[in-house]
């Protein structure tokens, strides 16, 4: 992901008209290098959240399809060329894959817009380029997998090897279909793993297109497989499968628990979880109020609030509280909702009716709990799943809108006095994914960033990601890291090899 503070400048959408839906070319499962129907022939609807209309029907995979796919991935790992290639050979294919995505950038961005309600301009300038960046970043790591020579106190020569972990199941969410696909797939490919990807049922179209491009790039059959379907069926089959060596999941904490349980009761596979969040943004008296208000609004309304690191708890120091609230409300009212293909739109629709209803129910809960709704809180327009940016004040720390992940454009603003109070209240959450700090005082920034128990802290910025930056959760936000070299090494096993030296007394 990338810096999202400023809307990219663009005079149009390069020929992709707002009513235009790209041709849906790939709707079947991708197994062992071929597109195939699900074994039972079932399909599921994928819906355009702009209007609730069905875009296409895609294959609905289940446990039988997962079984066939894992066999292909297992064979590709145990006997195929991919793990046995040199890192530079794998890198060449990954770079070719990245080139092909670049050539199809507009179409892929459009697929994520109609499938997920994402801004087309952002997809074109941020999401798809970020996916490409991850492929190229990890291609650069593929030939730099090094073990160590170990210094033994005995007459032994020992060293470590780093080897691919094996067959990986990637279960990815619907909020960033392209970025999340490559956040998982790119490092696993570079490590020499084979894999089965289960995209979210709401946003599977780009994943199937990527599978097609992977084949075209020269990825051997069975290395990258895509099984579309429902999480509780296909995702559960992946989590329970005895021949999958690792599951990497991004999504809700509730589903993360189920995946851990499945891993524990099957083959004790490795699990990587990046889960929910209720991230605090702490704004101090010395902050530029205008900048802070924009950061806070972006922090909860960007991508319609469907982002795990959303800064949904905003703590504002009492000296600037009133001015901040006034500016924030002004900006929220000016925030433009509309068709994601319109380059002036700031916010598209929620992913589907279920998520729309969930967010609206939390807005009702906020009112019932006694919080004051300052702006928003309503459906926007007459069709599609649009919700106005919603700002609550008079929020108490134990209210559900301040403790539970809403995953929508809903912000809780709370006042604080001292640094100590801000730290204590920010940490009083079961989550620990991200945090934001807005201050001009370096000492405050250092102290607070070292005190907050979260996987990534942004100072005077928010949502600033880079392929080299690891991120993930503390507490119930999960464990292990995605992105950066930490996101690469988790797909590698460490093996120690020991040989006695000739003068060893044990020989």
Protein backbone atom coordinates (compact mmCIF):
# COMPACT_ATOMS: atom_id res chain seq x y z
CA UNK A 1 0.00 0.00 0.00
CA UNK A 2 1.13 3.55 -0.48
CA UNK A 3 0.83 7.14 0.66
CA UNK A 4 -2.84 8.07 0.36
CA UNK A 5 -2.90 11.56 1.79
CA UNK A 6 -3.56 13.32 -1.48
CA UNK A 7 -5.97 12.33 -4.17
CA UNK A 8 -3.92 11.61 -7.31
CA UNK A 9 -4.40 14.24 -9.99
CA UNK A 10 -6.03 12.94 -13.13
CA UNK A 11 -8.20 14.66 -15.68
CA UNK A 12 -10.14 11.58 -16.60
CA UNK A 13 -10.20 7.83 -16.35
CA UNK A 14 -8.34 7.08 -19.56
CA UNK A 15 -11.26 5.81 -21.56
CA UNK A 16 -12.83 3.62 -18.85
CA UNK A 17 -16.27 5.20 -18.77
CA UNK A 18 -18.24 5.12 -15.54
CA UNK A 19 -20.87 2.76 -16.95
CA UNK A 20 -18.36 0.46 -18.61
CA UNK A 21 -17.85 -3.02 -17.23
CA UNK A 22 -14.74 -4.84 -18.47
CA UNK A 23 -15.21 -8.20 -20.14
CA UNK A 24 -15.19 -10.97 -17.57
CA UNK A 25 -12.78 -13.44 -19.11
CA UNK A 26 -12.04 -15.85 -16.25
CA UNK A 27 -14.68 -17.35 -13.97
CA UNK A 28 -13.52 -20.95 -13.43
CA UNK A 29 -11.18 -22.48 -10.88
CA UNK A 30 -7.49 -22.42 -11.84
CA UNK A 31 -5.95 -25.79 -10.97
CA UNK A 32 -2.66 -27.23 -12.19
CA UNK A 33 -2.28 -24.71 -15.01
CA UNK A 34 -5.85 -24.93 -16.39
CA UNK A 35 -9.20 -23.26 -15.87
CA UNK A 36 -11.75 -25.89 -14.86
CA UNK A 37 -15.31 -26.05 -13.58
CA UNK A 38 -15.86 -27.03 -9.96
CA UNK A 39 -16.37 -30.78 -9.58
CA UNK A 40 -20.02 -30.35 -8.57
CA UNK A 41 -20.53 -27.68 -11.24
CA UNK A 42 -21.74 -25.14 -8.71
CA UNK A 43 -21.34 -21.39 -9.19
CA UNK A 44 -21.85 -18.30 -7.06
CA UNK A 45 -22.86 -14.76 -7.98
CA UNK A 46 -20.42 -11.88 -7.85
CA UNK A 47 -22.22 -8.56 -7.42
CA UNK A 48 -21.40 -4.97 -8.39
CA UNK A 49 -21.69 -2.99 -5.11
CA UNK A 50 -22.40 0.23 -7.05
CA UNK A 51 -25.88 -1.03 -7.90
CA UNK A 52 -26.37 -4.53 -6.46
CA UNK A 53 -26.47 -6.10 -9.94
CA UNK A 54 -24.89 -9.47 -10.73
CA UNK A 55 -21.70 -9.08 -12.79
CA UNK A 56 -20.95 -12.74 -13.37
CA UNK A 57 -21.23 -16.22 -11.95
CA UNK A 58 -17.95 -17.78 -10.84
CA UNK A 59 -17.08 -21.37 -9.93
CA UNK A 60 -17.85 -22.35 -6.35
CA UNK A 61 -15.10 -24.66 -5.16
CA UNK A 62 -15.53 -26.97 -2.18
CA UNK A 63 -13.52 -29.61 -0.27
CA UNK A 64 -13.35 -31.93 -3.31
CA UNK A 65 -11.86 -29.16 -5.45
CA UNK A 66 -9.41 -28.27 -2.68
CA UNK A 67 -8.37 -31.95 -2.54
CA UNK A 68 -7.55 -32.03 -6.26
CA UNK A 69 -5.74 -28.68 -6.02
CA UNK A 70 -3.60 -29.68 -3.05
CA UNK A 71 -2.55 -32.86 -4.90
CA UNK A 72 -1.38 -30.71 -7.82
CA UNK A 73 0.44 -28.25 -5.53
CA UNK A 74 2.00 -31.12 -3.55
CA UNK A 75 3.29 -32.78 -6.70
CA UNK A 76 4.61 -29.46 -8.00
CA UNK A 77 6.48 -28.99 -4.72
CA UNK A 78 7.70 -32.54 -4.14
CA UNK A 79 8.70 -33.36 -7.71
CA UNK A 80 8.38 -30.19 -9.81
CA UNK A 81 10.95 -27.67 -10.98
CA UNK A 82 9.88 -24.56 -9.02
CA UNK A 83 11.54 -25.26 -5.63
CA UNK A 84 14.59 -26.67 -7.44
CA UNK A 85 15.19 -23.67 -9.68
CA UNK A 86 17.87 -21.19 -8.76
CA UNK A 87 16.52 -18.05 -7.12
CA UNK A 88 17.49 -16.01 -10.17
CA UNK A 89 15.43 -18.31 -12.43
CA UNK A 90 12.38 -17.83 -10.22
CA UNK A 91 13.04 -14.08 -10.20
CA UNK A 92 13.05 -13.94 -14.01
CA UNK A 93 9.60 -15.50 -14.17
CA UNK A 94 8.32 -13.22 -11.41
CA UNK A 95 9.57 -10.16 -13.29
CA UNK A 96 7.82 -11.42 -16.44
CA UNK A 97 4.65 -11.84 -14.35
CA UNK A 98 5.01 -8.22 -13.16
CA UNK A 99 5.46 -7.02 -16.77
CA UNK A 100 2.23 -8.76 -17.81
CA UNK A 101 0.30 -7.15 -14.95
CA UNK A 102 1.66 -3.77 -16.04
CA UNK A 103 0.34 -4.41 -19.56
CA UNK A 104 -3.13 -5.21 -18.16
CA UNK A 105 -3.16 -2.60 -15.42
CA UNK A 106 -6.35 -0.73 -16.41
CA UNK A 107 -8.39 -3.87 -16.84
CA UNK A 108 -7.28 -5.24 -13.47
CA UNK A 109 -8.06 -1.94 -11.73
CA UNK A 110 -11.51 -1.95 -13.35
CA UNK A 111 -12.17 -5.51 -12.18
CA UNK A 112 -11.44 -4.53 -8.57
CA UNK A 113 -13.71 -1.48 -8.96
CA UNK A 114 -16.75 -3.38 -10.19
CA UNK A 115 -16.09 -6.31 -7.87
CA UNK A 116 -15.15 -4.42 -4.69
CA UNK A 117 -16.40 -0.84 -5.11
CA UNK A 118 -12.81 0.42 -5.10
CA UNK A 119 -11.82 3.72 -6.69
CA UNK A 120 -10.64 3.07 -10.24
CA UNK A 121 -8.14 5.93 -10.16
CA UNK A 122 -6.61 4.56 -6.95
CA UNK A 123 -6.54 1.07 -8.36
CA UNK A 124 -4.71 2.29 -11.41
CA UNK A 125 -2.25 4.54 -9.59
CA UNK A 126 -1.82 2.73 -6.25
CA UNK A 127 -3.29 -0.77 -5.84
CA UNK A 128 -2.13 -2.49 -9.04
CA UNK A 129 1.27 -0.72 -9.08
CA UNK A 130 1.73 -1.83 -5.45
CA UNK A 131 0.95 -5.43 -6.45
CA UNK A 132 3.62 -5.13 -9.17
CA UNK A 133 6.03 -3.62 -6.63
CA UNK A 134 5.59 -6.62 -4.31
CA UNK A 135 6.36 -9.04 -7.14
CA UNK A 136 9.51 -7.14 -8.09
CA UNK A 137 10.60 -6.66 -4.46
CA UNK A 138 10.39 -10.35 -3.65
CA UNK A 139 11.87 -11.34 -7.01
CA UNK A 140 14.92 -9.44 -5.75
CA UNK A 141 14.97 -11.58 -2.61
CA UNK A 142 14.67 -14.94 -4.39
CA UNK A 143 18.42 -15.39 -4.94
CA UNK A 144 19.44 -14.01 -1.54
CA UNK A 145 18.38 -16.88 0.70
CA UNK A 146 21.36 -17.49 2.95
CA UNK A 147 22.02 -19.84 5.82
CA UNK A 148 24.75 -19.38 8.42
CA UNK A 149 27.87 -21.23 9.45
CA UNK A 150 27.52 -21.98 13.15
CA UNK A 151 30.33 -21.73 15.69
CA UNK A 152 30.24 -24.85 17.84
CA UNK A 153 32.07 -25.24 21.17
CA UNK A 154 32.67 -28.88 20.20
CA UNK A 155 34.53 -30.42 17.26
CA UNK A 156 31.57 -30.08 14.96
CA UNK A 157 31.05 -28.27 11.69
CA UNK A 158 27.47 -26.99 11.41
CA UNK A 159 25.52 -24.73 9.13
CA UNK A 160 21.90 -23.83 8.43
CA UNK A 161 19.95 -24.15 5.21
CA UNK A 162 16.83 -22.14 4.48
CA UNK A 163 14.30 -24.12 2.48
CA UNK A 164 10.77 -23.38 1.26
CA UNK A 165 8.13 -24.39 3.79
CA UNK A 166 6.14 -26.37 1.21
CA UNK A 167 2.52 -26.07 0.07
CA UNK A 168 0.91 -22.86 1.33
CA UNK A 169 -2.78 -22.01 1.56
CA UNK A 170 -3.40 -18.27 1.17
CA UNK A 171 -6.83 -17.02 2.27
CA UNK A 172 -7.22 -13.37 1.31
CA UNK A 173 -9.81 -10.68 2.14
CA UNK A 174 -12.00 -8.56 -0.09
CA UNK A 175 -10.83 -5.07 0.87
CA UNK A 176 -7.58 -5.04 -1.15
CA UNK A 177 -7.96 -7.95 -3.61
CA UNK A 178 -4.83 -7.23 -5.68
CA UNK A 179 -2.46 -5.99 -2.98
CA UNK A 180 -3.37 -8.83 -0.62
CA UNK A 181 -2.98 -11.40 -3.40
CA UNK A 182 0.64 -10.42 -3.97
CA UNK A 183 1.43 -9.62 -0.35
CA UNK A 184 0.99 -13.37 0.16
CA UNK A 185 1.81 -14.90 -3.24
CA UNK A 186 4.97 -12.94 -4.14
CA UNK A 187 7.12 -13.88 -1.09
CA UNK A 188 5.88 -17.49 -1.19
CA UNK A 189 6.82 -17.75 -4.88
CA UNK A 190 10.25 -16.23 -4.25
CA UNK A 191 10.85 -18.73 -1.43
CA UNK A 192 10.10 -21.65 -3.78
CA UNK A 193 6.73 -22.66 -2.31
CA UNK A 194 3.71 -23.90 -4.24
CA UNK A 195 0.29 -22.64 -3.25
CA UNK A 196 -3.47 -22.58 -3.34
CA UNK A 197 -5.10 -19.15 -3.14
CA UNK A 198 -8.68 -18.77 -1.88
CA UNK A 199 -9.74 -15.21 -2.73
CA UNK A 200 -12.74 -13.69 -0.98
CA UNK A 201 -15.96 -14.78 -2.65
CA UNK A 202 -16.93 -11.11 -3.11
CA UNK A 203 -13.76 -10.20 -5.05
CA UNK A 204 -12.41 -13.15 -7.01
CA UNK A 205 -12.27 -11.72 -10.53
CA UNK A 206 -8.78 -10.17 -10.39
CA UNK A 207 -7.32 -13.28 -8.69
CA UNK A 208 -8.44 -15.44 -11.62
CA UNK A 209 -6.97 -12.93 -14.07
CA UNK A 210 -3.65 -13.07 -12.16
CA UNK A 211 -3.69 -16.86 -12.42
CA UNK A 212 -3.99 -16.54 -16.21
CA UNK A 213 -1.07 -14.08 -16.31
CA UNK A 214 1.05 -16.36 -14.09
CA UNK A 215 0.68 -19.18 -16.61
CA UNK A 216 1.55 -16.79 -19.42
CA UNK A 217 4.66 -15.67 -17.51
CA UNK A 218 5.94 -19.25 -17.42
CA UNK A 219 5.07 -20.31 -13.88
CA UNK A 220 5.09 -24.15 -13.90
CA UNK A 221 1.72 -25.91 -13.56
CA UNK A 222 0.60 -26.56 -10.00
CA UNK A 223 2.70 -23.78 -8.46
CA UNK A 224 -0.05 -21.14 -8.27
CA UNK A 225 -3.63 -22.40 -8.04
CA UNK A 226 -6.79 -20.36 -7.38
CA UNK A 227 -9.91 -21.92 -5.88
CA UNK A 228 -12.86 -19.55 -5.61
CA UNK A 229 -15.66 -20.26 -3.18
CA UNK A 230 -16.96 -19.55 0.29
CA UNK A 231 -14.70 -19.22 3.32
CA UNK A 232 -16.65 -21.62 5.52
CA UNK A 233 -16.41 -24.32 2.82
CA UNK A 234 -13.30 -23.89 0.63
CA UNK A 235 -11.37 -21.86 3.24
CA UNK A 236 -12.18 -24.41 5.94
CA UNK A 237 -11.03 -27.26 3.68
CA UNK A 238 -7.67 -25.51 3.19
CA UNK A 239 -7.26 -24.89 6.94
CA UNK A 240 -8.03 -28.54 7.75
CA UNK A 241 -6.01 -30.16 4.98
CA UNK A 242 -3.29 -32.58 6.08
CA UNK A 243 -1.06 -31.93 3.06
CA UNK A 244 -0.92 -28.13 3.37
CA UNK A 245 2.18 -27.05 5.31
CA UNK A 246 1.16 -23.48 6.12
CA UNK A 247 -1.89 -21.22 6.04
CA UNK A 248 -1.51 -17.46 5.63
CA UNK A 249 -4.72 -15.57 6.41
CA UNK A 250 -5.78 -11.94 6.48
CA UNK A 251 -9.26 -11.23 7.79
CA UNK A 252 -11.32 -11.09 10.95
CA UNK A 253 -10.14 -12.20 14.37
CA UNK A 254 -13.14 -14.56 14.63
CA UNK A 255 -12.16 -16.45 11.46
CA UNK A 256 -8.49 -16.37 12.52
CA UNK A 257 -9.44 -18.34 15.64
CA UNK A 258 -11.18 -20.97 13.50
CA UNK A 259 -8.11 -21.30 11.27
CA UNK A 260 -5.84 -21.78 14.29
CA UNK A 261 -8.18 -24.43 15.67
CA UNK A 262 -8.26 -26.24 12.31
CA UNK A 263 -4.45 -26.14 12.07
CA UNK A 264 -4.14 -27.50 15.61
CA UNK A 265 -6.55 -30.38 15.06
CA UNK A 266 -5.20 -31.37 11.62
CA UNK A 267 -1.46 -31.54 10.95
CA UNK A 268 -0.33 -28.66 13.21
CA UNK A 269 0.54 -26.59 10.14
CA UNK A 270 2.20 -23.20 10.49
CA UNK A 271 -0.26 -20.32 10.67
CA UNK A 272 0.25 -16.65 9.79
CA UNK A 273 -2.60 -14.37 10.87
CA UNK A 274 -3.17 -10.67 10.17
CA UNK A 275 -6.49 -9.95 11.84
CA UNK A 276 -8.79 -7.19 13.04
CA UNK A 277 -7.93 -3.80 14.41
CA UNK A 278 -9.35 -0.83 16.28
CA UNK A 279 -6.43 1.47 15.73
CA UNK A 280 -5.98 4.70 17.70
CA UNK A 281 -4.95 8.02 16.19
CA UNK A 282 -3.58 10.37 18.86
CA UNK A 283 -3.55 14.07 18.04
CA UNK A 284 -1.63 16.41 20.33
CA UNK A 285 -2.19 20.12 21.01
CA UNK A 286 0.78 21.22 18.91
CA UNK A 287 -0.52 19.51 15.74
CA UNK A 288 -1.42 21.37 12.57
CA UNK A 289 -5.18 21.06 13.02
CA UNK A 290 -6.00 21.15 9.33
CA UNK A 291 -3.49 18.42 8.54
CA UNK A 292 -4.63 16.36 11.52
CA UNK A 293 -8.29 16.58 10.45
CA UNK A 294 -7.41 15.41 6.94
CA UNK A 295 -5.30 12.53 8.27
CA UNK A 296 -8.09 11.49 10.61
CA UNK A 297 -10.75 11.59 7.89
CA UNK A 298 -8.56 9.63 5.49
CA UNK A 299 -7.76 7.28 8.35
CA UNK A 300 -11.35 6.12 8.58
CA UNK A 301 -13.01 6.95 5.25
CA UNK A 302 -10.30 5.84 2.81
CA UNK A 303 -11.41 2.66 1.03
CA UNK A 304 -14.81 3.29 2.72
CA UNK A 305 -13.33 2.28 6.06
CA UNK A 306 -12.78 -1.27 4.82
CA UNK A 307 -9.18 -1.39 5.95
CA UNK A 308 -7.79 -3.37 8.87
CA UNK A 309 -5.57 -0.51 10.07
CA UNK A 310 -8.32 2.15 9.95
CA UNK A 311 -7.76 4.84 12.57
CA UNK A 312 -11.27 4.51 13.96
CA UNK A 313 -10.48 5.68 17.54
CA UNK A 314 -9.37 9.31 17.39
CA UNK A 315 -7.99 10.80 20.63
CA UNK A 316 -7.63 14.59 20.52
CA UNK A 317 -5.88 16.65 23.22
CA UNK A 318 -8.25 19.11 24.89
CA UNK A 319 -6.45 22.29 23.74
CA UNK A 320 -7.38 21.80 20.06
CA UNK A 321 -10.38 19.51 20.48
CA UNK A 322 -13.13 21.98 19.51
CA UNK A 323 -11.22 23.38 16.52
CA UNK A 324 -10.34 19.87 15.35
CA UNK A 325 -13.93 18.62 15.53
CA UNK A 326 -15.17 21.66 13.59
CA UNK A 327 -12.61 21.17 10.79
CA UNK A 328 -13.17 17.42 10.64
CA UNK A 329 -16.93 17.81 10.22
CA UNK A 330 -16.38 20.36 7.43
CA UNK A 331 -14.08 17.95 5.61
CA UNK A 332 -16.42 14.99 6.13
CA UNK A 333 -19.33 16.94 4.65
CA UNK A 334 -17.21 17.86 1.61
CA UNK A 335 -16.04 14.24 1.11
CA UNK A 336 -17.45 13.11 -2.22
CA UNK A 337 -19.24 9.79 -2.57
CA UNK A 338 -20.07 8.39 -5.98
CA UNK A 339 -19.18 6.07 -8.81
CA UNK A 340 -15.67 4.65 -8.29
CA UNK A 341 -14.94 5.31 -11.98
CA UNK A 342 -15.42 9.08 -11.51
CA UNK A 343 -11.97 10.58 -10.87
CA UNK A 344 -13.40 13.14 -8.40
CA UNK A 345 -14.96 10.48 -6.15
CA UNK A 346 -13.38 10.04 -2.70
CA UNK A 347 -15.45 7.06 -1.56
CA UNK A 348 -17.23 4.20 -3.29
CA UNK A 349 -19.78 1.71 -1.92
CA UNK A 350 -19.28 -0.84 0.85
CA UNK A 351 -18.44 -4.29 -0.45
CA UNK A 352 -21.93 -5.85 -0.20
CA UNK A 353 -25.33 -5.66 1.47
CA UNK A 354 -24.16 -7.70 4.46
CA UNK A 355 -21.35 -5.25 5.23
CA UNK A 356 -23.64 -2.27 4.56
CA UNK A 357 -26.13 -3.62 7.11
CA UNK A 358 -23.36 -4.31 9.65
CA UNK A 359 -22.00 -0.75 9.45
CA UNK A 360 -25.49 0.77 9.65
CA UNK A 361 -26.25 -1.38 12.71
CA UNK A 362 -23.14 0.01 14.45
CA UNK A 363 -24.30 3.56 13.69
CA UNK A 364 -27.59 2.68 15.44
CA UNK A 365 -25.64 1.15 18.36
CA UNK A 366 -23.60 4.37 18.71
CA UNK A 367 -26.78 6.43 19.01
CA UNK A 368 -28.33 3.96 21.46
CA UNK A 369 -25.19 3.99 23.63
CA UNK A 370 -25.48 7.77 23.99
CA UNK A 371 -22.79 9.01 21.59
CA UNK A 372 -23.56 12.18 19.63
CA UNK A 373 -23.71 11.82 15.84
CA UNK A 374 -22.20 14.99 14.35
CA UNK A 375 -22.35 14.16 10.66
CA UNK A 376 -23.13 11.27 8.32
CA UNK A 377 -24.82 8.14 9.57
CA UNK A 378 -27.03 7.73 6.54
CA UNK A 379 -27.19 5.81 3.31
CA UNK A 380 -26.04 7.86 0.34
CA UNK A 381 -27.98 7.68 -2.93
CA UNK A 382 -30.82 5.35 -3.89
CA UNK A 383 -28.88 2.32 -5.16
CA UNK A 384 -25.70 0.55 -4.19
CA UNK A 385 -24.17 0.20 -0.74
CA UNK A 386 -22.97 3.73 -0.01
CA UNK A 387 -22.63 5.10 3.56
CA UNK A 388 -21.77 8.69 4.42
CA UNK A 389 -18.59 9.28 6.48
CA UNK A 390 -19.89 9.15 10.04
CA UNK A 391 -18.45 11.04 13.03
CA UNK A 392 -19.39 10.43 16.67
CA UNK A 393 -18.37 12.54 19.66
CA UNK A 394 -19.19 12.13 23.37
CA UNK A 395 -17.87 8.59 22.98
CA UNK A 396 -16.86 6.63 26.08
CA UNK A 397 -13.96 4.18 25.80
CA UNK A 398 -16.13 1.17 26.67
CA UNK A 399 -18.84 1.82 24.07
CA UNK A 400 -19.11 -0.83 21.37
CA UNK A 401 -18.38 1.74 18.63
CA UNK A 402 -15.07 2.43 20.41
CA UNK A 403 -14.08 -1.19 21.08
CA UNK A 404 -15.35 -3.31 18.18
CA UNK A 405 -14.09 -3.33 14.60
CA UNK A 406 -16.79 -1.82 12.37
CA UNK A 407 -14.94 -1.98 9.03
CA UNK A 408 -16.79 1.02 7.66
CA UNK A 409 -16.48 4.83 7.55
CA UNK A 410 -17.35 5.38 11.23
CA UNK A 411 -15.12 7.42 13.57
CA UNK A 412 -15.24 7.83 17.36
CA UNK A 413 -13.62 11.05 18.65
CA UNK A 414 -12.51 11.22 22.30
CA UNK A 415 -10.82 13.98 24.31
CA UNK A 416 -7.69 13.53 26.46
CA UNK A 417 -5.46 15.66 28.71
CA UNK A 418 -2.04 14.08 29.23
CA UNK A 419 0.42 11.89 27.33
CA UNK A 420 0.13 9.21 30.00
CA UNK A 421 -3.65 9.14 29.63
CA UNK A 422 -3.44 8.92 25.83
CA UNK A 423 -1.01 5.98 25.99
CA UNK A 424 -3.09 4.12 28.55
CA UNK A 425 -6.37 4.57 26.66
CA UNK A 426 -4.83 3.77 23.29
CA UNK A 427 -3.46 0.49 24.66
CA UNK A 428 -6.75 -0.45 26.36
CA UNK A 429 -7.89 -2.56 23.41
CA UNK A 430 -7.81 -6.26 22.60
CA UNK A 431 -6.34 -5.24 19.23
CA UNK A 432 -2.86 -3.97 18.36
CA UNK A 433 -2.50 -3.55 14.63
CA UNK A 434 -1.65 0.11 13.98
CA UNK A 435 -1.59 3.58 15.52
CA UNK A 436 -1.14 7.16 14.39
CA UNK A 437 0.55 10.03 16.26
CA UNK A 438 0.22 13.66 15.19
CA UNK A 439 2.64 16.05 16.92
CA UNK A 440 5.53 18.40 16.16
CA UNK A 441 7.38 17.34 19.33
CA UNK A 442 9.97 14.65 18.59
CA UNK A 443 10.17 13.62 22.24
CA UNK A 444 6.41 13.03 22.38
CA UNK A 445 6.51 11.12 19.09
CA UNK A 446 9.35 8.89 20.34
CA UNK A 447 7.82 8.26 23.74
CA UNK A 448 4.34 7.43 22.43
CA UNK A 449 5.56 5.29 19.51
CA UNK A 450 7.64 3.17 21.92
CA UNK A 451 4.72 2.85 24.34
CA UNK A 452 1.89 1.84 21.99
CA UNK A 453 1.53 -1.92 21.56
CA UNK A 454 0.86 -2.07 17.82
CA UNK A 455 2.60 -3.57 14.81
CA UNK A 456 2.99 -0.31 12.88
CA UNK A 457 3.02 3.30 14.10
CA UNK A 458 2.67 6.29 11.80
CA UNK A 459 3.93 9.70 12.93
CA UNK A 460 2.40 12.71 11.12
CA UNK A 461 1.18 10.42 8.36
CA UNK A 462 -1.18 7.46 8.00
CA UNK A 463 -1.49 4.48 5.66
CA UNK A 464 2.09 4.98 4.48
CA UNK A 465 3.18 1.51 3.41
CA UNK A 466 6.14 0.26 1.42
CA UNK A 467 7.18 -3.20 0.25
CA UNK A 468 10.13 -3.00 2.65
CA UNK A 469 7.98 -2.23 5.73
CA UNK A 470 6.84 -5.25 7.76
CA UNK A 471 3.47 -4.95 9.45
CA UNK A 472 1.14 -7.16 11.43
CA UNK A 473 -0.45 -7.42 14.82
CA UNK A 474 0.08 -7.46 18.53
CA UNK A 475 -2.53 -9.09 20.80
CA UNK A 476 -5.72 -10.24 19.01
CA UNK A 477 -4.65 -8.54 15.78
CA UNK A 478 -2.64 -11.67 14.98
CA UNK A 479 1.00 -12.66 14.71
CA UNK A 480 3.87 -12.92 12.20
CA UNK A 481 4.39 -10.14 9.68
CA UNK A 482 3.48 -9.46 6.08
CA UNK A 483 5.62 -7.31 3.78
CA UNK A 484 9.33 -6.62 4.11
CA UNK A 485 11.86 -9.38 4.60
CA UNK A 486 9.92 -10.61 7.64
CA UNK A 487 7.11 -11.40 5.20
CA UNK A 488 9.56 -13.46 3.14
CA UNK A 489 11.33 -15.47 5.83
CA UNK A 490 8.11 -16.89 7.23
CA UNK A 491 7.81 -18.99 4.06
CA UNK A 492 11.21 -20.60 4.76
CA UNK A 493 12.15 -23.44 7.09
CA UNK A 494 15.52 -23.46 8.87
CA UNK A 495 17.45 -26.74 8.73
CA UNK A 496 20.64 -27.34 10.69
CA UNK A 497 23.26 -29.67 9.17
CA UNK A 498 25.99 -31.05 11.49
CA UNK A 499 29.20 -32.93 10.57
CA UNK A 500 31.86 -34.15 13.06
CA UNK A 501 35.36 -32.89 12.49
CA UNK A 502 38.10 -35.54 12.27
CA UNK A 503 39.73 -34.82 15.60
CA UNK A 504 36.41 -35.10 17.43
CA UNK A 505 36.70 -37.20 20.63
CA UNK A 506 33.30 -38.69 19.80
CA UNK A 507 34.45 -40.45 16.62
